Amino acid sequence: MAEAVRKKKERLSLRFPFVQKGVRYGEVDVPFFLTVLALLVMGIIMMFSASYAWAIAEGYDGTYYAVEQIKTGVIGLVLMYVLSVVDYRIYRTPLIAIGSYVIPVILLILVLVAGKSVKGAQRWLVIGSFNFQPSELMKIGIVIFFAYLIEMNYDRMGKFRTGIMPYLLALGIVAGLLMLEPHLSCTILIGLIGITLIWVGGAKVKHFLILILLGIGAIIGIVLFLSIYEGYGYIQTRIESWLDPFSDSQGGTWQTCQSLIAIGSGGLFGLGLGESRQKFLYLPETKNDFVFSIVCEELGFVGALTVVLLFAFLVFRGFRIATQAQDKFGMLLAVGFTMHIGLQAFINIAVVSNLFPNTGISLPFFSYGGTALILQLAEMGIVMNISRTRYKAAYTESRRKKISANAEA
């Protein structure tokens, strides 16, 4: 009887080594975790500095936005930890994988019907005192959904009809709903994430190039249409501001001008933490899209470069985790979530430095926004779980050899 129980426990330990009490099947990628933590801490400090004056001007205590960000940051860290120990393969189940796409699509439709409009953009759903952007959920949903589809149809990714068209259709639905809000920056970001996953998933080069050309053509067509369509003139204004940022420094290009002044004022080492001048109601959206401008002003080129290098290292470690994933699904999840953070950071920094037109996109871990921060940390938790399972195969093999040796003895 005792022998039978022992053998049953051994079989369970081989099959489910990561759920056995006291068993550690692998540590998270420590450099990746520390980088996330460094970005989060630095982001909260800089957002506090950037938001202080605006919080007082809006009738709040100067620490209001920082305290709110810390609260959501704590929730995000707890969720990140939970997801780092939950086996990522649970998202492979059809209900979760398909639901991760369908539910945000339904919410995006609800936004157009009963959403909250801010500055001409209808992007928020309000539930009591809680409001959020469904587009943030779609950033996660598109990664899980595409990872699931690509793994299920990996052998057919080489055909245009099965390797490109279904994903193009899914992206088209999302893009159409987002542009009706309108939300151009999120449309571009999700499109780039989707295209990256299609490429990594095994699409042929010629099919991928066709997809790129279709995407570029669609973006140009949408921008040209919306720039002349009544109610979407802001796109044309932003393009003009980008081409000549000082053409209307007291009007349409005010924000871009003030951002460039903040960046230029920082010099090599900056004016010092908390010493920004532009945050005193000169530069709008300092706590959101233009927090990086304050980073440049207060910490200078050295501080700005530090932030850029932290994001670059996060992307490097994320891709490293992806290359060591146990299966295609884990690899695609790691690539997708890493690309989300990396691309969004790149686009934001390009916008505030006027490399790209102003698209209204936030800087991950830095910009104020509870839902976005929580979901970004959740993504990092999933990537950390993928990094933990890198060790499971080796652990299982060592357990199998040990059990075999005991049986022979």
Protein backbone atom coordinates (compact mmCIF):
# COMPACT_ATOMS: atom_id res chain seq x y z
CA MET A 1 0.00 0.00 0.00
CA ALA A 2 2.75 2.41 1.01
CA GLU A 3 4.71 1.51 -2.14
CA ALA A 4 1.69 2.30 -4.33
CA VAL A 5 1.25 5.68 -2.66
CA ARG A 6 4.93 6.46 -3.14
CA LYS A 7 4.79 5.60 -6.85
CA LYS A 8 1.67 7.75 -7.31
CA LYS A 9 3.42 10.74 -5.72
CA GLU A 10 6.42 10.19 -7.99
CA ARG A 11 4.18 10.17 -11.08
CA LEU A 12 2.49 13.37 -9.93
CA SER A 13 5.81 15.06 -9.28
CA LEU A 14 6.90 14.24 -12.82
CA ARG A 15 3.65 15.40 -14.40
CA PHE A 16 3.07 18.52 -12.29
CA PRO A 17 6.42 19.47 -10.69
CA PHE A 18 5.46 23.16 -10.50
CA VAL A 19 2.43 22.64 -8.24
CA GLN A 20 4.03 20.41 -5.65
CA LYS A 21 4.43 21.97 -2.23
CA GLY A 22 7.95 23.17 -1.60
CA VAL A 23 9.07 22.55 -5.18
CA ARG A 24 10.62 25.46 -7.08
CA TYR A 25 10.60 24.80 -10.78
CA GLY A 26 12.67 27.85 -11.66
CA GLU A 27 13.33 31.43 -10.65
CA VAL A 28 12.11 34.41 -12.62
CA ASP A 29 14.55 36.21 -14.87
CA VAL A 30 16.05 38.47 -12.20
CA PRO A 31 17.51 41.13 -14.56
CA PHE A 32 14.10 41.42 -16.25
CA PHE A 33 12.30 41.78 -12.91
CA LEU A 34 14.77 44.36 -11.58
CA THR A 35 14.46 46.38 -14.79
CA VAL A 36 10.67 46.45 -14.48
CA LEU A 37 11.00 47.50 -10.84
CA ALA A 38 13.54 50.22 -11.70
CA LEU A 39 11.29 51.65 -14.42
CA LEU A 40 8.28 51.59 -12.09
CA VAL A 41 10.05 53.36 -9.22
CA MET A 42 11.67 55.92 -11.49
CA GLY A 43 8.38 56.44 -13.29
CA ILE A 44 6.46 57.18 -10.08
CA ILE A 45 9.13 59.63 -8.89
CA MET A 46 9.18 61.51 -12.20
CA MET A 47 5.40 61.49 -12.53
CA PHE A 48 5.16 62.99 -9.04
CA SER A 49 7.57 65.75 -9.97
CA ALA A 50 5.83 66.40 -13.30
CA SER A 51 2.29 66.43 -11.87
CA TYR A 52 2.80 68.46 -8.69
CA ALA A 53 2.04 71.90 -10.10
CA TRP A 54 -0.87 70.72 -12.23
CA ALA A 55 -2.44 68.89 -9.27
CA ILE A 56 -2.44 72.11 -7.23
CA ALA A 57 -3.80 74.09 -10.18
CA GLU A 58 -6.66 71.60 -10.48
CA GLY A 59 -7.57 71.98 -6.81
CA TYR A 60 -5.93 68.83 -5.48
CA ASP A 61 -3.09 68.30 -3.05
CA GLY A 62 0.27 68.35 -4.82
CA THR A 63 0.81 64.66 -4.10
CA TYR A 64 -2.61 63.59 -5.39
CA TYR A 65 -1.58 62.01 -8.67
CA ALA A 66 1.52 60.39 -7.16
CA VAL A 67 -0.51 58.78 -4.37
CA GLU A 68 -3.05 57.47 -6.88
CA GLN A 69 -0.25 56.08 -9.04
CA ILE A 70 1.36 54.37 -6.05
CA LYS A 71 -1.96 52.73 -5.17
CA THR A 72 -2.42 51.32 -8.66
CA GLY A 73 1.27 50.42 -8.77
CA VAL A 74 0.85 48.27 -5.64
CA ILE A 75 -2.18 46.55 -7.20
CA GLY A 76 -0.19 46.01 -10.38
CA LEU A 77 2.75 44.51 -8.48
CA VAL A 78 0.46 42.08 -6.66
CA LEU A 79 -1.12 41.07 -9.96
CA MET A 80 2.32 40.76 -11.55
CA TYR A 81 3.39 38.38 -8.78
CA VAL A 82 0.22 36.29 -9.08
CA LEU A 83 0.59 35.97 -12.85
CA SER A 84 4.28 35.13 -12.49
CA VAL A 85 3.31 31.93 -10.65
CA VAL A 86 0.25 31.02 -12.77
CA ASP A 87 1.18 28.68 -15.61
CA TYR A 88 1.00 30.80 -18.78
CA ARG A 89 -0.39 27.84 -20.76
CA ILE A 90 -3.76 28.46 -19.15
CA TYR A 91 -4.23 31.29 -21.69
CA ARG A 92 -4.00 28.69 -24.43
CA THR A 93 -7.47 27.34 -23.62
CA PRO A 94 -9.93 28.35 -26.38
CA LEU A 95 -12.31 30.12 -24.00
CA ILE A 96 -9.61 32.44 -22.65
CA ALA A 97 -7.73 32.89 -25.94
CA ILE A 98 -10.78 33.75 -28.02
CA GLY A 99 -12.42 35.69 -25.19
CA SER A 100 -9.32 37.86 -24.85
CA TYR A 101 -10.11 39.20 -28.31
CA VAL A 102 -13.91 39.11 -28.38
CA ILE A 103 -14.49 40.83 -25.01
CA PRO A 104 -12.35 43.91 -25.81
CA VAL A 105 -14.04 44.15 -29.22
CA ILE A 106 -17.45 44.22 -27.50
CA LEU A 107 -16.17 46.86 -25.07
CA LEU A 108 -14.84 48.95 -27.97
CA ILE A 109 -18.31 48.85 -29.52
CA LEU A 110 -19.83 49.90 -26.18
CA VAL A 111 -17.42 52.84 -26.05
CA LEU A 112 -18.82 54.14 -29.33
CA VAL A 113 -22.37 53.74 -28.05
CA ALA A 114 -22.12 54.92 -24.45
CA GLY A 115 -18.52 55.96 -23.84
CA LYS A 116 -17.17 59.08 -22.20
CA SER A 117 -15.81 61.77 -24.51
CA VAL A 118 -12.75 63.81 -23.48
CA LYS A 119 -11.35 66.52 -25.77
CA GLY A 120 -13.28 65.15 -28.74
CA ALA A 121 -12.12 61.53 -28.29
CA GLN A 122 -14.62 58.92 -27.10
CA ARG A 123 -12.31 56.31 -25.58
CA TRP A 124 -13.47 55.73 -22.00
CA LEU A 125 -16.06 53.50 -20.40
CA VAL A 126 -17.35 54.74 -17.04
CA ILE A 127 -18.63 52.35 -14.36
CA GLY A 128 -19.49 54.33 -11.25
CA SER A 129 -16.32 56.14 -10.19
CA PHE A 130 -14.16 53.79 -12.26
CA ASN A 131 -13.26 54.60 -15.87
CA PHE A 132 -10.93 52.83 -18.25
CA GLN A 133 -10.00 52.53 -21.91
CA PRO A 134 -10.94 49.17 -23.50
CA SER A 135 -8.11 49.76 -25.94
CA GLU A 136 -5.70 48.93 -23.09
CA LEU A 137 -7.33 45.49 -22.78
CA MET A 138 -7.06 45.01 -26.53
CA LYS A 139 -3.27 45.42 -26.36
CA ILE A 140 -3.16 42.28 -24.21
CA GLY A 141 -5.98 40.51 -26.00
CA ILE A 142 -4.45 40.77 -29.46
CA VAL A 143 -1.22 39.15 -28.20
CA ILE A 144 -2.96 36.20 -26.53
CA PHE A 145 -5.38 35.69 -29.43
CA PHE A 146 -2.70 35.83 -32.12
CA ALA A 147 -0.34 33.58 -30.12
CA TYR A 148 -3.13 31.01 -29.83
CA LEU A 149 -4.11 31.15 -33.51
CA ILE A 150 -0.54 31.06 -34.78
CA GLU A 151 0.41 28.05 -32.65
CA MET A 152 -2.77 26.20 -33.68
CA ASN A 153 -2.16 26.94 -37.38
CA TYR A 154 1.63 27.03 -37.46
CA ASP A 155 1.87 24.54 -40.32
CA ARG A 156 -0.35 26.78 -42.48
CA MET A 157 1.38 30.10 -41.80
CA GLY A 158 3.22 29.85 -45.11
CA LYS A 159 0.01 30.36 -47.12
CA PHE A 160 -1.40 33.85 -47.64
CA ARG A 161 -5.00 32.69 -47.24
CA THR A 162 -4.37 31.04 -43.85
CA GLY A 163 -1.21 32.80 -42.67
CA ILE A 164 -2.16 36.41 -43.40
CA MET A 165 -5.85 36.92 -44.14
CA PRO A 166 -7.39 35.80 -40.79
CA TYR A 167 -5.01 38.03 -38.84
CA LEU A 168 -5.49 40.92 -41.23
CA LEU A 169 -9.25 40.63 -40.75
CA ALA A 170 -8.89 40.60 -36.95
CA LEU A 171 -6.62 43.65 -37.07
CA GLY A 172 -8.96 45.41 -39.48
CA ILE A 173 -11.93 45.07 -37.12
CA VAL A 174 -9.92 46.49 -34.22
CA ALA A 175 -8.45 49.30 -36.33
CA GLY A 176 -11.88 50.31 -37.58
CA LEU A 177 -13.32 50.52 -34.06
CA LEU A 178 -10.32 52.42 -32.72
CA MET A 179 -10.35 54.98 -35.51
CA LEU A 180 -14.00 55.72 -34.87
CA GLU A 181 -13.08 56.90 -31.34
CA PRO A 182 -10.62 58.20 -32.78
CA HIS A 183 -7.41 56.67 -31.38
CA LEU A 184 -4.73 56.72 -34.08
CA SER A 185 -1.75 55.99 -31.82
CA CYS A 186 -3.32 52.84 -30.38
CA THR A 187 -4.34 51.72 -33.87
CA ILE A 188 -0.74 51.99 -35.07
CA LEU A 189 0.63 50.30 -31.93
CA ILE A 190 -1.73 47.30 -32.06
CA GLY A 191 -1.15 47.00 -35.79
CA LEU A 192 2.63 46.87 -35.28
CA ILE A 193 2.31 44.29 -32.50
CA GLY A 194 0.07 42.12 -34.67
CA ILE A 195 2.38 42.37 -37.69
CA THR A 196 5.38 41.45 -35.52
CA LEU A 197 3.63 38.32 -34.24
CA ILE A 198 2.66 37.31 -37.78
CA TRP A 199 6.29 37.67 -38.86
CA VAL A 200 7.69 35.77 -35.88
CA GLY A 201 4.92 33.20 -36.29
CA GLY A 202 6.27 32.02 -39.63
CA ALA A 203 4.71 34.11 -42.40
CA LYS A 204 6.60 34.04 -45.70
CA VAL A 205 8.74 37.05 -46.51
CA LYS A 206 6.79 37.97 -49.66
CA HIS A 207 3.47 37.68 -47.83
CA PHE A 208 4.85 39.74 -44.97
CA LEU A 209 6.00 42.48 -47.36
CA ILE A 210 2.54 42.55 -48.93
CA LEU A 211 1.07 42.92 -45.43
CA ILE A 212 3.46 45.79 -44.66
CA LEU A 213 2.52 47.60 -47.88
CA LEU A 214 -1.19 47.11 -47.17
CA GLY A 215 -0.71 48.45 -43.66
CA ILE A 216 1.21 51.53 -44.81
CA GLY A 217 -1.37 52.19 -47.51
CA ALA A 218 -4.22 51.83 -44.99
CA ILE A 219 -2.59 54.24 -42.52
CA ILE A 220 -1.92 56.84 -45.23
CA GLY A 221 -5.47 56.48 -46.54
CA ILE A 222 -7.00 56.80 -43.06
CA VAL A 223 -4.88 59.84 -42.19
CA LEU A 224 -5.67 61.59 -45.48
CA PHE A 225 -9.38 60.86 -45.12
CA LEU A 226 -9.61 61.93 -41.50
CA SER A 227 -7.49 65.03 -42.08
CA ILE A 228 -10.16 66.47 -44.39
CA TYR A 229 -13.25 64.89 -42.82
CA GLU A 230 -15.27 67.22 -40.65
CA GLY A 231 -14.47 66.65 -36.97
CA TYR A 232 -11.04 65.14 -37.62
CA GLY A 233 -9.13 68.29 -38.51
CA TYR A 234 -6.92 67.79 -35.46
CA ILE A 235 -4.91 65.19 -37.40
CA GLN A 236 -4.00 67.73 -40.06
CA THR A 237 -3.11 70.25 -37.33
CA ARG A 238 -0.80 67.75 -35.65
CA ILE A 239 0.96 66.93 -38.90
CA GLU A 240 1.49 70.64 -39.58
CA SER A 241 2.80 71.09 -36.02
CA TRP A 242 5.23 68.24 -36.57
CA LEU A 243 6.58 69.65 -39.84
CA ASP A 244 7.04 73.14 -38.40
CA PRO A 245 6.83 73.04 -34.59
CA PHE A 246 7.41 76.81 -34.20
CA SER A 247 4.96 77.94 -36.88
CA ASP A 248 2.22 78.73 -34.34
CA SER A 249 4.00 78.70 -31.00
CA GLN A 250 1.16 80.58 -29.27
CA GLY A 251 -1.53 78.31 -30.68
CA GLY A 252 -1.60 74.95 -32.43
CA THR A 253 2.07 74.09 -31.88
CA TRP A 254 2.22 75.30 -28.26
CA GLN A 255 2.58 71.82 -26.76
CA THR A 256 5.30 70.73 -29.15
CA CYS A 257 7.23 73.97 -28.60
CA GLN A 258 7.08 73.67 -24.83
CA SER A 259 8.18 70.04 -25.00
CA LEU A 260 11.22 70.93 -27.11
CA ILE A 261 12.07 73.81 -24.76
CA ALA A 262 11.92 71.41 -21.79
CA ILE A 263 14.18 68.89 -23.52
CA GLY A 264 16.67 71.55 -24.60
CA SER A 265 16.75 73.17 -21.15
CA GLY A 266 17.97 69.98 -19.53
CA GLY A 267 21.41 70.01 -21.09
CA LEU A 268 23.76 67.21 -20.08
CA PHE A 269 22.85 66.70 -16.42
CA GLY A 270 19.52 68.55 -16.14
CA LEU A 271 18.25 71.29 -13.86
CA GLY A 272 17.87 68.86 -10.94
CA LEU A 273 15.08 66.64 -9.68
CA GLY A 274 11.99 68.76 -9.01
CA GLU A 275 13.52 71.87 -10.64
CA SER A 276 11.63 71.80 -13.94
CA ARG A 277 10.24 75.14 -15.11
CA GLN A 278 8.00 73.85 -17.90
CA LYS A 279 5.86 71.79 -15.51
CA PHE A 280 4.52 75.01 -13.97
CA LEU A 281 1.56 75.08 -16.35
CA TYR A 282 3.61 75.80 -19.47
CA LEU A 283 3.69 72.28 -20.84
CA PRO A 284 0.28 70.50 -20.89
CA GLU A 285 -0.07 66.79 -20.11
CA THR A 286 3.15 66.62 -18.10
CA LYS A 287 1.78 63.76 -16.00
CA ASN A 288 0.64 61.79 -19.03
CA ASP A 289 2.02 61.83 -22.56
CA PHE A 290 4.80 64.39 -21.98
CA VAL A 291 6.34 63.17 -18.73
CA PHE A 292 9.52 62.25 -20.64
CA SER A 293 10.03 65.94 -21.47
CA ILE A 294 10.24 66.64 -17.73
CA VAL A 295 12.67 63.74 -17.34
CA CYS A 296 14.91 65.42 -19.92
CA GLU A 297 14.58 68.84 -18.28
CA GLU A 298 15.27 67.69 -14.73
CA LEU A 299 17.73 64.84 -15.32
CA GLY A 300 19.26 65.99 -18.60
CA PHE A 301 20.71 63.86 -21.36
CA VAL A 302 22.20 61.42 -18.84
CA GLY A 303 18.84 60.79 -17.15
CA ALA A 304 16.99 60.52 -20.46
CA LEU A 305 19.59 58.07 -21.78
CA THR A 306 19.23 56.02 -18.60
CA VAL A 307 15.49 55.67 -19.21
CA VAL A 308 16.03 54.74 -22.86
CA LEU A 309 18.65 52.14 -21.92
CA LEU A 310 16.36 50.64 -19.27
CA PHE A 311 13.62 50.17 -21.85
CA ALA A 312 16.15 48.77 -24.34
CA PHE A 313 17.43 46.29 -21.76
CA LEU A 314 13.87 45.29 -20.90
CA VAL A 315 13.25 44.50 -24.57
CA PHE A 316 16.53 42.57 -24.79
CA ARG A 317 15.71 40.42 -21.77
CA GLY A 318 12.16 39.91 -22.98
CA PHE A 319 13.37 38.61 -26.33
CA ARG A 320 15.91 36.41 -24.56
CA ILE A 321 13.10 34.91 -22.50
CA ALA A 322 11.15 34.37 -25.72
CA THR A 323 14.02 32.45 -27.36
CA GLN A 324 14.21 30.13 -24.33
CA ALA A 325 10.46 29.50 -24.04
CA GLN A 326 9.32 25.88 -23.97
CA ASP A 327 6.81 26.22 -26.80
CA LYS A 328 5.68 28.53 -29.60
CA PHE A 329 2.80 29.88 -27.54
CA GLY A 330 5.11 31.05 -24.75
CA MET A 331 7.56 32.47 -27.27
CA LEU A 332 4.84 34.47 -29.03
CA LEU A 333 3.42 35.77 -25.74
CA ALA A 334 6.85 36.97 -24.61
CA VAL A 335 7.54 38.63 -27.97
CA GLY A 336 4.12 40.29 -28.08
CA PHE A 337 4.16 41.72 -24.56
CA THR A 338 7.79 42.83 -24.89
CA MET A 339 7.06 44.52 -28.21
CA HIS A 340 4.08 46.32 -26.66
CA ILE A 341 6.21 47.96 -23.98
CA GLY A 342 9.17 48.61 -26.29
CA LEU A 343 7.15 50.05 -29.18
CA GLN A 344 4.97 52.21 -26.95
CA ALA A 345 8.02 53.65 -25.19
CA PHE A 346 9.73 54.31 -28.53
CA ILE A 347 6.69 56.04 -30.03
CA ASN A 348 6.16 58.20 -26.92
CA ILE A 349 9.78 59.32 -26.81
CA ALA A 350 9.71 59.99 -30.56
CA VAL A 351 6.57 62.12 -30.14
CA VAL A 352 7.85 64.31 -27.29
CA SER A 353 11.09 64.93 -29.21
CA ASN A 354 9.07 65.73 -32.39
CA LEU A 355 10.51 62.82 -34.34
CA PHE A 356 6.87 61.70 -34.86
CA PRO A 357 3.69 63.79 -34.96
CA ASN A 358 1.83 64.14 -31.67
CA THR A 359 -0.30 60.97 -31.40
CA GLY A 360 -1.33 61.04 -27.76
CA ILE A 361 0.41 57.91 -26.51
CA SER A 362 1.62 57.36 -22.93
CA LEU A 363 5.04 56.26 -21.66
CA PRO A 364 4.84 52.82 -19.99
CA PHE A 365 5.40 52.85 -16.20
CA PHE A 366 5.83 56.65 -16.22
CA SER A 367 2.59 58.22 -17.44
CA TYR A 368 -0.35 58.62 -15.07
CA GLY A 369 -3.08 56.05 -15.62
CA GLY A 370 -4.28 53.33 -13.28
CA THR A 371 -5.67 50.80 -15.73
CA ALA A 372 -2.73 51.08 -18.11
CA LEU A 373 -0.15 50.64 -15.33
CA ILE A 374 -1.93 47.62 -13.83
CA LEU A 375 -2.22 45.90 -17.21
CA GLN A 376 1.41 46.66 -18.13
CA LEU A 377 2.60 45.05 -14.90
CA ALA A 378 0.26 42.12 -15.55
CA GLU A 379 1.93 41.58 -18.91
CA MET A 380 5.34 41.62 -17.24
CA GLY A 381 4.07 39.00 -14.78
CA ILE A 382 3.15 36.67 -17.64
CA VAL A 383 6.57 37.17 -19.23
CA MET A 384 8.21 36.34 -15.89
CA ASN A 385 6.17 33.15 -15.67
CA ILE A 386 7.44 32.19 -19.11
CA SER A 387 10.97 32.83 -17.85
CA ARG A 388 10.34 30.52 -14.88
CA THR A 389 9.20 27.62 -17.03
CA ARG A 390 12.49 27.68 -18.93
CA TYR A 391 13.87 25.58 -16.09
CA LYS A 392 11.05 23.11 -15.77
CA ALA A 393 12.19 20.74 -18.51
CA ALA A 394 15.64 20.43 -16.96
CA TYR A 395 14.13 19.98 -13.51
CA THR A 396 11.72 17.30 -14.75
CA GLU A 397 14.54 15.43 -16.46
CA SER A 398 16.67 15.47 -13.30
CA ARG A 399 13.71 14.19 -11.28
CA ARG A 400 13.11 11.39 -13.78
CA LYS A 401 16.76 10.28 -13.59
CA LYS A 402 16.68 10.37 -9.80
CA ILE A 403 13.51 8.28 -9.64
CA SER A 404 14.92 5.79 -12.15
CA ALA A 405 18.10 5.46 -10.10
CA ASN A 406 16.07 4.85 -6.93
CA ALA A 407 13.94 2.24 -8.67
CA GLU A 408 17.01 0.37 -9.91
CA ALA A 409 18.52 0.45 -6.42
